[in-house]
Amino acid sequence: MLEYMKRLVNRKDEKGASAVEYGLLVAAIAAVIVVAVFALGGFVKGTFENTCTGITTEATTAGGAANVGDC
């Protein structure tokens, strides 16, 4: 029985280590996504604003309604 207890105490269990590694991997991926959103956010916003302006300009130039609404 004493031998069994020694083996139980000295057993190397790496399940916790792999869970920590997966947690670090998920955190790194989340950080990359956050950086990408902040880096590309202004570009995407500008593209949508330019598209909205173009649609509004074309609608009023083509004789459409004066009030085309907000994009």
PDB file of N, CA and C in Angstrom:
ATOM      1  N   MET A   1       0.817  -1.196   0.000  1.00  0.00           N
ATOM      2  CA  MET A   1       0.000   0.000   0.000  1.00  0.00           C
ATOM      3  C   MET A   1       0.861   1.260   0.000  1.00  0.00           C
ATOM      4  N   LEU A   2       1.948   1.213   0.738  1.00  0.00           N
ATOM      5  CA  LEU A   2       2.846   2.359   0.784  1.00  0.00           C
ATOM      6  C   LEU A   2       3.473   2.617  -0.585  1.00  0.00           C
ATOM      7  N   GLU A   3       3.797   1.551  -1.291  1.00  0.00           N
ATOM      8  CA  GLU A   3       4.369   1.686  -2.637  1.00  0.00           C
ATOM      9  C   GLU A   3       3.356   2.342  -3.590  1.00  0.00           C
ATOM     10  N   TYR A   4       2.104   1.968  -3.466  1.00  0.00           N
ATOM     11  CA  TYR A   4       1.052   2.559  -4.288  1.00  0.00           C
ATOM     12  C   TYR A   4       0.920   4.057  -4.012  1.00  0.00           C
ATOM     13  N   MET A   5       0.987   4.455  -2.777  1.00  0.00           N
ATOM     14  CA  MET A   5       0.891   5.868  -2.411  1.00  0.00           C
ATOM     15  C   MET A   5       2.071   6.662  -2.963  1.00  0.00           C
ATOM     16  N   LYS A   6       3.267   6.069  -2.934  1.00  0.00           N
ATOM     17  CA  LYS A   6       4.446   6.748  -3.487  1.00  0.00           C
ATOM     18  C   LYS A   6       4.287   6.955  -4.985  1.00  0.00           C
ATOM     19  N   ARG A   7       3.786   5.931  -5.674  1.00  0.00           N
ATOM     20  CA  ARG A   7       3.583   6.070  -7.124  1.00  0.00           C
ATOM     21  C   ARG A   7       2.514   7.118  -7.423  1.00  0.00           C
ATOM     22  N   LEU A   8       1.493   7.148  -6.620  1.00  0.00           N
ATOM     23  CA  LEU A   8       0.412   8.105  -6.822  1.00  0.00           C
ATOM     24  C   LEU A   8       0.898   9.542  -6.632  1.00  0.00           C
ATOM     25  N   VAL A   9       1.733   9.760  -5.636  1.00  0.00           N
ATOM     26  CA  VAL A   9       2.254  11.094  -5.361  1.00  0.00           C
ATOM     27  C   VAL A   9       3.274  11.506  -6.413  1.00  0.00           C
ATOM     28  N   ASN A  10       4.098  10.595  -6.870  1.00  0.00           N
ATOM     29  CA  ASN A  10       5.167  10.913  -7.815  1.00  0.00           C
ATOM     30  C   ASN A  10       4.721  10.849  -9.273  1.00  0.00           C
ATOM     31  N   ARG A  11       3.480  10.524  -9.502  1.00  0.00           N
ATOM     32  CA  ARG A  11       2.983  10.410 -10.874  1.00  0.00           C
ATOM     33  C   ARG A  11       3.007  11.779 -11.551  1.00  0.00           C
ATOM     34  N   LYS A  12       3.437  11.798 -12.788  1.00  0.00           N
ATOM     35  CA  LYS A  12       3.483  13.058 -13.546  1.00  0.00           C
ATOM     36  C   LYS A  12       2.202  13.159 -14.372  1.00  0.00           C
ATOM     37  N   ASP A  13       1.403  14.106 -14.019  1.00  0.00           N
ATOM     38  CA  ASP A  13       0.146  14.321 -14.719  1.00  0.00           C
ATOM     39  C   ASP A  13       0.271  15.620 -15.505  1.00  0.00           C
ATOM     40  N   GLU A  14       0.198  15.523 -16.811  1.00  0.00           N
ATOM     41  CA  GLU A  14       0.403  16.705 -17.655  1.00  0.00           C
ATOM     42  C   GLU A  14      -0.892  17.242 -18.239  1.00  0.00           C
ATOM     43  N   LYS A  15      -2.025  16.784 -17.753  1.00  0.00           N
ATOM     44  CA  LYS A  15      -3.289  17.298 -18.273  1.00  0.00           C
ATOM     45  C   LYS A  15      -3.460  18.774 -17.941  1.00  0.00           C
ATOM     46  N   GLY A  16      -3.077  19.181 -16.763  1.00  0.00           N
ATOM     47  CA  GLY A  16      -3.180  20.584 -16.379  1.00  0.00           C
ATOM     48  C   GLY A  16      -2.274  21.472 -17.205  1.00  0.00           C
ATOM     49  N   ALA A  17      -1.086  20.961 -17.524  1.00  0.00           N
ATOM     50  CA  ALA A  17      -0.144  21.738 -18.330  1.00  0.00           C
ATOM     51  C   ALA A  17      -0.691  21.956 -19.732  1.00  0.00           C
ATOM     52  N   SER A  18      -1.306  20.941 -20.320  1.00  0.00           N
ATOM     53  CA  SER A  18      -1.839  21.118 -21.665  1.00  0.00           C
ATOM     54  C   SER A  18      -3.033  22.072 -21.653  1.00  0.00           C
ATOM     55  N   ALA A  19      -3.810  22.067 -20.586  1.00  0.00           N
ATOM     56  CA  ALA A  19      -4.926  23.005 -20.489  1.00  0.00           C
ATOM     57  C   ALA A  19      -4.413  24.441 -20.417  1.00  0.00           C
ATOM     58  N   VAL A  20      -3.332  24.653 -19.691  1.00  0.00           N
ATOM     59  CA  VAL A  20      -2.733  25.986 -19.608  1.00  0.00           C
ATOM     60  C   VAL A  20      -2.207  26.405 -20.973  1.00  0.00           C
ATOM     61  N   GLU A  21      -1.590  25.483 -21.683  1.00  0.00           N
ATOM     62  CA  GLU A  21      -1.072  25.804 -23.016  1.00  0.00           C
ATOM     63  C   GLU A  21      -2.203  26.180 -23.965  1.00  0.00           C
ATOM     64  N   TYR A  22      -3.312  25.443 -23.917  1.00  0.00           N
ATOM     65  CA  TYR A  22      -4.456  25.792 -24.759  1.00  0.00           C
ATOM     66  C   TYR A  22      -5.024  27.152 -24.361  1.00  0.00           C
ATOM     67  N   GLY A  23      -5.048  27.444 -23.096  1.00  0.00           N
ATOM     68  CA  GLY A  23      -5.522  28.747 -22.643  1.00  0.00           C
ATOM     69  C   GLY A  23      -4.656  29.885 -23.157  1.00  0.00           C
ATOM     70  N   LEU A  24      -3.340  29.680 -23.126  1.00  0.00           N
ATOM     71  CA  LEU A  24      -2.425  30.696 -23.660  1.00  0.00           C
ATOM     72  C   LEU A  24      -2.605  30.861 -25.164  1.00  0.00           C
ATOM     73  N   LEU A  25      -2.842  29.761 -25.862  1.00  0.00           N
ATOM     74  CA  LEU A  25      -3.059  29.827 -27.305  1.00  0.00           C
ATOM     75  C   LEU A  25      -4.337  30.605 -27.625  1.00  0.00           C
ATOM     76  N   VAL A  26      -5.396  30.354 -26.891  1.00  0.00           N
ATOM     77  CA  VAL A  26      -6.654  31.080 -27.097  1.00  0.00           C
ATOM     78  C   VAL A  26      -6.472  32.565 -26.792  1.00  0.00           C
ATOM     79  N   ALA A  27      -5.734  32.886 -25.740  1.00  0.00           N
ATOM     80  CA  ALA A  27      -5.479  34.289 -25.399  1.00  0.00           C
ATOM     81  C   ALA A  27      -4.675  34.984 -26.492  1.00  0.00           C
ATOM     82  N   ALA A  28      -3.698  34.291 -27.060  1.00  0.00           N
ATOM     83  CA  ALA A  28      -2.889  34.877 -28.135  1.00  0.00           C
ATOM     84  C   ALA A  28      -3.738  35.124 -29.379  1.00  0.00           C
ATOM     85  N   ILE A  29      -4.599  34.180 -29.719  1.00  0.00           N
ATOM     86  CA  ILE A  29      -5.474  34.358 -30.884  1.00  0.00           C
ATOM     87  C   ILE A  29      -6.433  35.517 -30.653  1.00  0.00           C
ATOM     88  N   ALA A  30      -6.975  35.638 -29.457  1.00  0.00           N
ATOM     89  CA  ALA A  30      -7.877  36.750 -29.142  1.00  0.00           C
ATOM     90  C   ALA A  30      -7.153  38.085 -29.245  1.00  0.00           C
ATOM     91  N   ALA A  31      -5.908  38.130 -28.795  1.00  0.00           N
ATOM     92  CA  ALA A  31      -5.125  39.367 -28.882  1.00  0.00           C
ATOM     93  C   ALA A  31      -4.891  39.761 -30.336  1.00  0.00           C
ATOM     94  N   VAL A  32      -4.608  38.788 -31.185  1.00  0.00           N
ATOM     95  CA  VAL A  32      -4.399  39.070 -32.615  1.00  0.00           C
ATOM     96  C   VAL A  32      -5.684  39.602 -33.238  1.00  0.00           C
ATOM     97  N   ILE A  33      -6.816  39.033 -32.871  1.00  0.00           N
ATOM     98  CA  ILE A  33      -8.095  39.498 -33.411  1.00  0.00           C
ATOM     99  C   ILE A  33      -8.382  40.929 -32.968  1.00  0.00           C
ATOM    100  N   VAL A  34      -8.129  41.243 -31.715  1.00  0.00           N
ATOM    101  CA  VAL A  34      -8.363  42.603 -31.208  1.00  0.00           C
ATOM    102  C   VAL A  34      -7.473  43.605 -31.933  1.00  0.00           C
ATOM    103  N   VAL A  35      -6.208  43.271 -32.116  1.00  0.00           N
ATOM    104  CA  VAL A  35      -5.289  44.165 -32.823  1.00  0.00           C
ATOM    105  C   VAL A  35      -5.747  44.357 -34.265  1.00  0.00           C
ATOM    106  N   ALA A  36      -6.188  43.296 -34.921  1.00  0.00           N
ATOM    107  CA  ALA A  36      -6.650  43.402 -36.308  1.00  0.00           C
ATOM    108  C   ALA A  36      -7.889  44.279 -36.411  1.00  0.00           C
ATOM    109  N   VAL A  37      -8.806  44.143 -35.470  1.00  0.00           N
ATOM    110  CA  VAL A  37     -10.026  44.959 -35.502  1.00  0.00           C
ATOM    111  C   VAL A  37      -9.688  46.435 -35.328  1.00  0.00           C
ATOM    112  N   PHE A  38      -8.808  46.747 -34.387  1.00  0.00           N
ATOM    113  CA  PHE A  38      -8.432  48.151 -34.193  1.00  0.00           C
ATOM    114  C   PHE A  38      -7.625  48.686 -35.372  1.00  0.00           C
ATOM    115  N   ALA A  39      -6.793  47.861 -35.971  1.00  0.00           N
ATOM    116  CA  ALA A  39      -5.965  48.314 -37.090  1.00  0.00           C
ATOM    117  C   ALA A  39      -6.802  48.540 -38.346  1.00  0.00           C
ATOM    118  N   LEU A  40      -7.777  47.687 -38.594  1.00  0.00           N
ATOM    119  CA  LEU A  40      -8.569  47.785 -39.819  1.00  0.00           C
ATOM    120  C   LEU A  40      -9.879  48.545 -39.631  1.00  0.00           C
ATOM    121  N   GLY A  41     -10.238  48.861 -38.399  1.00  0.00           N
ATOM    122  CA  GLY A  41     -11.517  49.507 -38.127  1.00  0.00           C
ATOM    123  C   GLY A  41     -11.691  50.836 -38.833  1.00  0.00           C
ATOM    124  N   GLY A  42     -10.688  51.677 -38.796  1.00  0.00           N
ATOM    125  CA  GLY A  42     -10.768  52.982 -39.458  1.00  0.00           C
ATOM    126  C   GLY A  42     -10.887  52.858 -40.963  1.00  0.00           C
ATOM    127  N   PHE A  43     -10.163  51.912 -41.540  1.00  0.00           N
ATOM    128  CA  PHE A  43     -10.222  51.692 -42.989  1.00  0.00           C
ATOM    129  C   PHE A  43     -11.617  51.246 -43.411  1.00  0.00           C
ATOM    130  N   VAL A  44     -12.185  50.311 -42.675  1.00  0.00           N
ATOM    131  CA  VAL A  44     -13.517  49.805 -43.009  1.00  0.00           C
ATOM    132  C   VAL A  44     -14.557  50.906 -42.839  1.00  0.00           C
ATOM    133  N   LYS A  45     -14.442  51.692 -41.781  1.00  0.00           N
ATOM    134  CA  LYS A  45     -15.384  52.792 -41.561  1.00  0.00           C
ATOM    135  C   LYS A  45     -15.305  53.799 -42.708  1.00  0.00           C
ATOM    136  N   GLY A  46     -14.090  54.142 -43.123  1.00  0.00           N
ATOM    137  CA  GLY A  46     -13.911  55.073 -44.232  1.00  0.00           C
ATOM    138  C   GLY A  46     -14.497  54.548 -45.531  1.00  0.00           C
ATOM    139  N   THR A  47     -14.331  53.267 -45.769  1.00  0.00           N
ATOM    140  CA  THR A  47     -14.875  52.659 -46.984  1.00  0.00           C
ATOM    141  C   THR A  47     -16.399  52.731 -46.988  1.00  0.00           C
ATOM    142  N   PHE A  48     -17.036  52.439 -45.861  1.00  0.00           N
ATOM    143  CA  PHE A  48     -18.492  52.526 -45.789  1.00  0.00           C
ATOM    144  C   PHE A  48     -18.972  53.963 -45.937  1.00  0.00           C
ATOM    145  N   GLU A  49     -18.256  54.918 -45.350  1.00  0.00           N
ATOM    146  CA  GLU A  49     -18.655  56.321 -45.482  1.00  0.00           C
ATOM    147  C   GLU A  49     -18.519  56.792 -46.927  1.00  0.00           C
ATOM    148  N   ASN A  50     -17.456  56.392 -47.610  1.00  0.00           N
ATOM    149  CA  ASN A  50     -17.290  56.763 -49.021  1.00  0.00           C
ATOM    150  C   ASN A  50     -18.383  56.144 -49.881  1.00  0.00           C
ATOM    151  N   THR A  51     -18.750  54.914 -49.591  1.00  0.00           N
ATOM    152  CA  THR A  51     -19.821  54.256 -50.335  1.00  0.00           C
ATOM    153  C   THR A  51     -21.145  54.969 -50.103  1.00  0.00           C
ATOM    154  N   CYS A  52     -21.414  55.333 -48.867  1.00  0.00           N
ATOM    155  CA  CYS A  52     -22.647  56.051 -48.542  1.00  0.00           C
ATOM    156  C   CYS A  52     -22.702  57.394 -49.262  1.00  0.00           C
ATOM    157  N   THR A  53     -21.584  58.105 -49.254  1.00  0.00           N
ATOM    158  CA  THR A  53     -21.519  59.400 -49.940  1.00  0.00           C
ATOM    159  C   THR A  53     -21.749  59.226 -51.436  1.00  0.00           C
ATOM    160  N   GLY A  54     -21.146  58.203 -52.020  1.00  0.00           N
ATOM    161  CA  GLY A  54     -21.327  57.944 -53.453  1.00  0.00           C
ATOM    162  C   GLY A  54     -22.760  57.613 -53.801  1.00  0.00           C
ATOM    163  N   ILE A  55     -23.403  56.811 -52.984  1.00  0.00           N
ATOM    164  CA  ILE A  55     -24.798  56.452 -53.241  1.00  0.00           C
ATOM    165  C   ILE A  55     -25.690  57.680 -53.121  1.00  0.00           C
ATOM    166  N   THR A  56     -25.469  58.492 -52.099  1.00  0.00           N
ATOM    167  CA  THR A  56     -26.269  59.699 -51.896  1.00  0.00           C
ATOM    168  C   THR A  56     -26.076  60.674 -53.051  1.00  0.00           C
ATOM    169  N   THR A  57     -24.837  60.856 -53.486  1.00  0.00           N
ATOM    170  CA  THR A  57     -24.543  61.774 -54.593  1.00  0.00           C
ATOM    171  C   THR A  57     -25.192  61.298 -55.884  1.00  0.00           C
ATOM    172  N   GLU A  58     -25.085  60.026 -56.187  1.00  0.00           N
ATOM    173  CA  GLU A  58     -25.676  59.483 -57.414  1.00  0.00           C
ATOM    174  C   GLU A  58     -27.192  59.573 -57.384  1.00  0.00           C
ATOM    175  N   ALA A  59     -27.786  59.357 -56.215  1.00  0.00           N
ATOM    176  CA  ALA A  59     -29.247  59.408 -56.121  1.00  0.00           C
ATOM    177  C   ALA A  59     -29.760  60.820 -56.355  1.00  0.00           C
ATOM    178  N   THR A  60     -29.076  61.820 -55.816  1.00  0.00           N
ATOM    179  CA  THR A  60     -29.542  63.197 -56.004  1.00  0.00           C
ATOM    180  C   THR A  60     -29.199  63.706 -57.397  1.00  0.00           C
ATOM    181  N   THR A  61     -28.065  63.271 -57.968  1.00  0.00           N
ATOM    182  CA  THR A  61     -27.665  63.708 -59.307  1.00  0.00           C
ATOM    183  C   THR A  61     -28.577  63.114 -60.370  1.00  0.00           C
ATOM    184  N   ALA A  62     -29.036  61.903 -60.158  1.00  0.00           N
ATOM    185  CA  ALA A  62     -29.867  61.222 -61.147  1.00  0.00           C
ATOM    186  C   ALA A  62     -31.318  61.683 -61.091  1.00  0.00           C
ATOM    187  N   GLY A  63     -31.606  62.674 -60.295  1.00  0.00           N
ATOM    188  CA  GLY A  63     -32.971  63.200 -60.230  1.00  0.00           C
ATOM    189  C   GLY A  63     -33.832  62.461 -59.231  1.00  0.00           C
ATOM    190  N   GLY A  64     -33.190  61.788 -58.328  1.00  0.00           N
ATOM    191  CA  GLY A  64     -33.940  61.062 -57.300  1.00  0.00           C
ATOM    192  C   GLY A  64     -34.468  62.012 -56.253  1.00  0.00           C
ATOM    193  N   ALA A  65     -34.980  61.459 -55.227  1.00  0.00           N
ATOM    194  CA  ALA A  65     -35.538  62.265 -54.147  1.00  0.00           C
ATOM    195  C   ALA A  65     -34.430  63.081 -53.492  1.00  0.00           C
ATOM    196  N   ALA A  66     -34.778  64.283 -53.067  1.00  0.00           N
ATOM    197  CA  ALA A  66     -33.786  65.148 -52.440  1.00  0.00           C
ATOM    198  C   ALA A  66     -33.349  64.582 -51.092  1.00  0.00           C
ATOM    199  N   ASN A  67     -34.257  63.916 -50.438  1.00  0.00           N
ATOM    200  CA  ASN A  67     -33.934  63.347 -49.136  1.00  0.00           C
ATOM    201  C   ASN A  67     -33.820  61.831 -49.296  1.00  0.00           C
ATOM    202  N   VAL A  68     -32.596  61.344 -49.462  1.00  0.00           N
ATOM    203  CA  VAL A  68     -32.405  59.900 -49.652  1.00  0.00           C
ATOM    204  C   VAL A  68     -32.200  59.193 -48.330  1.00  0.00           C
ATOM    205  N   GLY A  69     -32.117  59.911 -47.257  1.00  0.00           N
ATOM    206  CA  GLY A  69     -31.973  59.301 -45.940  1.00  0.00           C
ATOM    207  C   GLY A  69     -30.527  59.053 -45.578  1.00  0.00           C
ATOM    208  N   ASP A  70     -30.352  58.555 -44.388  1.00  0.00           N
ATOM    209  CA  ASP A  70     -29.011  58.230 -43.905  1.00  0.00           C
ATOM    210  C   ASP A  70     -28.644  56.819 -44.322  1.00  0.00           C
ATOM    211  N   CYS A  71     -27.371  56.629 -44.584  1.00  0.00           N
ATOM    212  CA  CYS A  71     -26.899  55.295 -44.970  1.00  0.00           C
ATOM    213  C   CYS A  71     -26.702  54.425 -43.780  1.00  0.00           C
TER     214      CYS A  71
END
